[in-house]
Structure formats: C-alpha cells, structure tokens
Amino acid sequence: MPIVNQPYIGFEGPIGAGKTTLAQLLAMHLGASLILEDVDGNEFLPDFYRDRERWALGTQLAFMISRYEQLRTIPPFRNRPVVSDYTQAKDPIFARALLHDREVQLYERLSIGLDASVFRPDLTVYVDAKNEVLLNRIRGRNRAYESSIDAEYLDSLRQAYALYHHSIGRLQMITFDTSDLNLRSESQVNALYKKIMSAVSLLS
C-alpha cells in the first residue's frame, strides 16, 4: 500500500495577524502535529524592542537557531499533517528587514547550511490585517517588550515579505485578511479551513 504523505502547512504574516491562533485551530481541526515558535524563549527580544539597531543581530541569530532546531524535526514522510505558526522563510525575511550590510552577510553565511536542512511547507498561509487591527491585537496581549511596535515597523515587515515572495518565484501560497475575522463565528472559521484544504488538495 503506497504511503500517503500528509501536508505540512505553515503560516506567515506580520505580527498580530493571527498566525499562532489560526495554526492552533487548524491543527486541532486536522488532528495535526503543531509547531509553535518559541518567541518568549528569545532572551534578546526585550532588548531588541528597546534598541533595535543594537540588538537586531543577536535577536536574529537566537531566533535562527531556535527555529531551525524546531523545523528539523519535521520528517520528509508524514503519516499525519504538520501545522506551524511560522516557516523557514521567516528568518531571511526578518534578517533582511532588520540587519544591515556586514550583519546580513554574516547572517547569510551562518544560515546557509541550516536552511538546506529543513523542508519547505507544502502550503504557506499568509495572513495579514489592517495596521490599526494589528496594533490593537498587539496591545491587547500586553507584552511589555512589544509596546514600541508601530505602523511603520509593521509596514517594513510587510514589504520584506513581499520582496521575499517575489524573489523566490513560485510558491504554493494563499492569502487571508483577518481584519474582520470573528473566531467565534463557526461559519467564518470553517470557510478559512475550506480555503486552506482546497488549496492543499490541488497540490496532490
């Protein structure tokens, strides 16, 4: 009997777009293995939001190591789906948005071997929302170190995502605006599940 390889679905998008919440809901819906980024485990992050120029490189390298340690656990053949609230694309996207010159060169030299050791998602779900919605969500989760995030920073991340997606060419990706998404609405959430699974079915 042939092995049916189950999909790996990864979420991407700016801060506050709903990646973690939606990844958790989708994983529960599919009975999938769930991978969540260890954001709070990065001890550089509070320093970064106080002084981005000073701490960007340390923050990025800490995330790079943590992310690749997690993503390397995804096997090439899967008997159950895998859902993650980020993908390997997040590292180069954020690195090129936040680092400069020699820092980017150092990051790329360190990351090249790690990048080759992980699998790309079969489908990327890119979620976004209006800046005012994102900022309200960020304030609502009350992480002190995120208090300095503003619309300009969110726009810079959005631009970095767009440049990355344009640079790599073909990418199995769908987009979803979560500005008006009501997680208490079964019909809205089910519509999102249907959109995702319809895209996955086209891959087989």
Protein backbone atom coordinates (compact mmCIF):
# COMPACT_ATOMS: atom_id res chain seq x y z
CA MET A 1 0.00 0.00 0.00
CA PRO A 2 1.60 3.36 -1.02
CA ILE A 3 2.49 5.87 1.66
CA VAL A 4 0.20 8.90 1.59
CA ASN A 5 2.32 11.83 2.66
CA GLN A 6 0.35 14.27 4.79
CA PRO A 7 0.77 18.02 4.16
CA TYR A 8 2.97 20.47 6.02
CA ILE A 9 1.14 23.81 6.30
CA GLY A 10 2.95 26.90 7.57
CA PHE A 11 1.59 30.32 8.49
CA GLU A 12 3.34 33.61 7.76
CA GLY A 13 2.49 37.29 8.11
CA PRO A 14 3.20 40.38 10.20
CA ILE A 15 2.98 40.50 13.98
CA GLY A 16 -0.58 40.29 15.28
CA ALA A 17 -2.10 38.84 12.10
CA GLY A 18 -3.27 35.70 13.92
CA LYS A 19 -0.67 33.13 12.90
CA THR A 20 -0.43 31.30 16.22
CA THR A 21 -4.15 31.28 16.96
CA LEU A 22 -5.06 30.05 13.48
CA ALA A 23 -2.28 27.44 13.46
CA GLN A 24 -3.59 26.07 16.76
CA LEU A 25 -7.17 25.95 15.49
CA LEU A 26 -6.19 24.34 12.18
CA ALA A 27 -4.00 21.73 13.90
CA MET A 28 -6.88 20.80 16.19
CA HIS A 29 -9.27 20.63 13.23
CA LEU A 30 -6.93 18.33 11.27
CA GLY A 31 -5.55 16.32 14.17
CA ALA A 32 -2.12 17.58 13.08
CA SER A 33 1.23 17.89 14.80
CA LEU A 34 1.67 21.51 15.88
CA ILE A 35 4.87 23.56 15.89
CA LEU A 36 4.80 26.93 17.64
CA GLU A 37 7.65 29.40 17.56
CA ASP A 38 9.27 29.93 20.95
CA VAL A 39 9.06 33.73 20.89
CA ASP A 40 9.24 34.27 24.64
CA GLY A 41 12.29 31.99 24.85
CA ASN A 42 14.43 34.53 22.97
CA GLU A 43 16.19 36.42 25.75
CA PHE A 44 17.36 39.11 23.31
CA LEU A 45 13.85 40.16 22.32
CA PRO A 46 13.11 42.70 25.12
CA ASP A 47 16.48 44.36 24.43
CA PHE A 48 15.71 44.43 20.71
CA TYR A 49 12.47 46.35 21.14
CA ARG A 50 14.28 48.87 23.36
CA ASP A 51 17.15 49.35 20.89
CA ARG A 52 16.63 47.66 17.53
CA GLU A 53 19.91 48.77 15.98
CA ARG A 54 21.98 47.46 18.88
CA TRP A 55 20.28 44.11 19.38
CA ALA A 56 18.94 43.10 15.95
CA LEU A 57 21.80 40.71 15.13
CA GLY A 58 21.76 38.88 18.45
CA THR A 59 17.98 38.57 18.34
CA GLN A 60 18.03 37.27 14.78
CA LEU A 61 20.74 34.68 15.43
CA ALA A 62 18.93 33.40 18.53
CA PHE A 63 15.73 33.02 16.51
CA MET A 64 17.61 31.35 13.66
CA ILE A 65 18.99 28.63 15.93
CA SER A 66 15.68 28.05 17.72
CA ARG A 67 13.62 27.95 14.52
CA TYR A 68 15.87 25.53 12.68
CA GLU A 69 16.09 23.23 15.71
CA GLN A 70 12.29 23.01 15.62
CA LEU A 71 11.83 22.77 11.85
CA ARG A 72 14.41 19.99 11.51
CA THR A 73 12.03 17.74 13.44
CA ILE A 74 9.56 17.74 10.51
CA PRO A 75 10.09 14.43 8.67
CA PRO A 76 10.12 14.07 4.87
CA PHE A 77 7.32 11.48 5.02
CA ARG A 78 4.44 12.23 7.35
CA ASN A 79 1.59 9.98 8.46
CA ARG A 80 -0.23 12.98 9.93
CA PRO A 81 -0.35 16.65 8.88
CA VAL A 82 2.03 19.22 10.35
CA VAL A 83 0.95 22.80 11.05
CA SER A 84 3.39 25.53 12.10
CA ASP A 85 2.83 29.18 13.03
CA TYR A 86 5.94 30.13 11.02
CA THR A 87 8.13 28.73 8.23
CA GLN A 88 11.82 28.77 7.39
CA ALA A 89 11.12 31.86 5.27
CA LYS A 90 10.66 33.95 8.40
CA ASP A 91 14.36 34.04 9.15
CA PRO A 92 15.68 35.56 5.90
CA ILE A 93 12.65 37.86 5.71
CA PHE A 94 13.29 39.37 9.13
CA ALA A 95 17.06 39.34 8.69
CA ARG A 96 16.90 41.42 5.52
CA ALA A 97 14.38 43.77 7.07
CA LEU A 98 16.31 44.37 10.30
CA LEU A 99 20.02 43.82 9.63
CA HIS A 100 22.50 45.93 7.68
CA ASP A 101 25.47 45.30 5.39
CA ARG A 102 28.03 43.16 7.27
CA GLU A 103 25.35 41.83 9.59
CA VAL A 104 23.33 40.48 6.65
CA GLN A 105 26.45 38.89 5.16
CA LEU A 106 27.31 37.22 8.47
CA TYR A 107 23.74 36.00 8.93
CA GLU A 108 23.65 34.52 5.42
CA ARG A 109 26.97 32.71 5.91
CA LEU A 110 25.73 31.16 9.14
CA SER A 111 22.27 30.28 7.86
CA ILE A 112 23.09 28.65 4.54
CA GLY A 113 23.73 25.18 5.95
CA LEU A 114 20.78 25.36 8.30
CA ASP A 115 18.40 26.42 5.55
CA ALA A 116 19.31 23.39 3.47
CA SER A 117 18.46 21.06 6.35
CA VAL A 118 14.73 21.82 6.60
CA PHE A 119 11.72 21.21 4.37
CA ARG A 120 9.60 23.92 2.79
CA PRO A 121 5.90 23.80 3.61
CA ASP A 122 3.62 22.28 1.03
CA LEU A 123 1.38 25.30 1.53
CA THR A 124 2.05 28.71 3.07
CA VAL A 125 -0.93 30.59 4.50
CA TYR A 126 -0.09 34.29 4.52
CA VAL A 127 -2.33 36.20 6.92
CA ASP A 128 -2.50 39.97 7.30
CA ALA A 129 -4.78 42.68 8.66
CA LYS A 130 -5.09 46.44 8.73
CA ASN A 131 -2.44 48.17 10.80
CA GLU A 132 -4.95 49.50 13.32
CA VAL A 133 -6.24 45.97 13.85
CA LEU A 134 -2.73 44.56 14.24
CA LEU A 135 -1.77 47.26 16.73
CA ASN A 136 -4.93 46.70 18.78
CA ARG A 137 -4.18 42.98 18.95
CA ILE A 138 -0.57 43.61 19.92
CA ARG A 139 -1.60 45.99 22.68
CA GLY A 140 -4.26 43.53 23.83
CA ARG A 141 -1.79 40.74 24.52
CA ASN A 142 0.10 43.12 26.79
CA ARG A 143 3.69 42.06 26.15
CA ALA A 144 5.73 44.95 27.53
CA TYR A 145 8.55 44.45 25.06
CA GLU A 146 6.16 44.87 22.09
CA SER A 147 4.99 48.33 23.19
CA SER A 148 7.34 50.07 20.74
CA ILE A 149 5.86 48.37 17.67
CA ASP A 150 4.24 50.92 15.38
CA ALA A 151 2.65 51.08 11.92
CA GLU A 152 5.97 51.95 10.27
CA TYR A 153 7.57 48.79 11.64
CA LEU A 154 4.61 46.67 10.50
CA ASP A 155 4.81 48.19 7.02
CA SER A 156 8.53 47.40 6.83
CA LEU A 157 7.83 43.74 7.67
CA ARG A 158 5.03 43.59 5.11
CA GLN A 159 7.38 44.99 2.45
CA ALA A 160 10.07 42.45 3.42
CA TYR A 161 7.58 39.61 2.98
CA ALA A 162 6.56 40.94 -0.45
CA LEU A 163 10.17 41.22 -1.61
CA TYR A 164 10.96 37.70 -0.43
CA HIS A 165 7.94 36.15 -2.10
CA HIS A 166 8.76 37.97 -5.34
CA SER A 167 12.41 36.89 -5.22
CA ILE A 168 11.79 33.15 -4.85
CA GLY A 169 9.31 32.87 -7.69
CA ARG A 170 6.81 30.04 -7.50
CA LEU A 171 5.43 29.44 -4.03
CA GLN A 172 2.36 27.48 -3.04
CA MET A 173 0.65 30.22 -1.03
CA ILE A 174 -2.78 31.55 -0.23
CA THR A 175 -3.54 34.85 1.48
CA PHE A 176 -6.22 35.73 4.00
CA ASP A 177 -7.18 39.07 5.53
CA THR A 178 -8.01 38.55 9.21
CA SER A 179 -9.11 42.15 9.87
CA ASP A 180 -12.77 41.16 10.22
CA LEU A 181 -12.32 37.51 11.16
CA ASN A 182 -14.51 36.53 14.09
CA LEU A 183 -13.06 33.43 15.72
CA ARG A 184 -16.38 32.86 17.47
CA SER A 185 -18.12 32.53 14.11
CA GLU A 186 -18.16 28.87 13.14
CA SER A 187 -19.06 29.73 9.55
CA GLN A 188 -16.12 32.14 9.15
CA VAL A 189 -13.59 29.74 10.66
CA ASN A 190 -14.93 26.84 8.60
CA ALA A 191 -14.66 28.98 5.47
CA LEU A 192 -10.98 29.51 6.25
CA TYR A 193 -10.46 25.78 6.80
CA LYS A 194 -12.17 25.08 3.47
CA LYS A 195 -9.98 27.60 1.64
CA ILE A 196 -6.83 26.05 3.10
CA MET A 197 -7.82 22.45 2.44
CA SER A 198 -8.97 23.27 -1.11
CA ALA A 199 -5.51 24.68 -1.77
CA VAL A 200 -3.88 21.59 -0.22
CA SER A 201 -5.99 19.27 -2.39
CA LEU A 202 -4.66 20.98 -5.52
CA LEU A 203 -1.12 20.01 -4.52
CA SER A 204 -1.73 16.27 -4.76
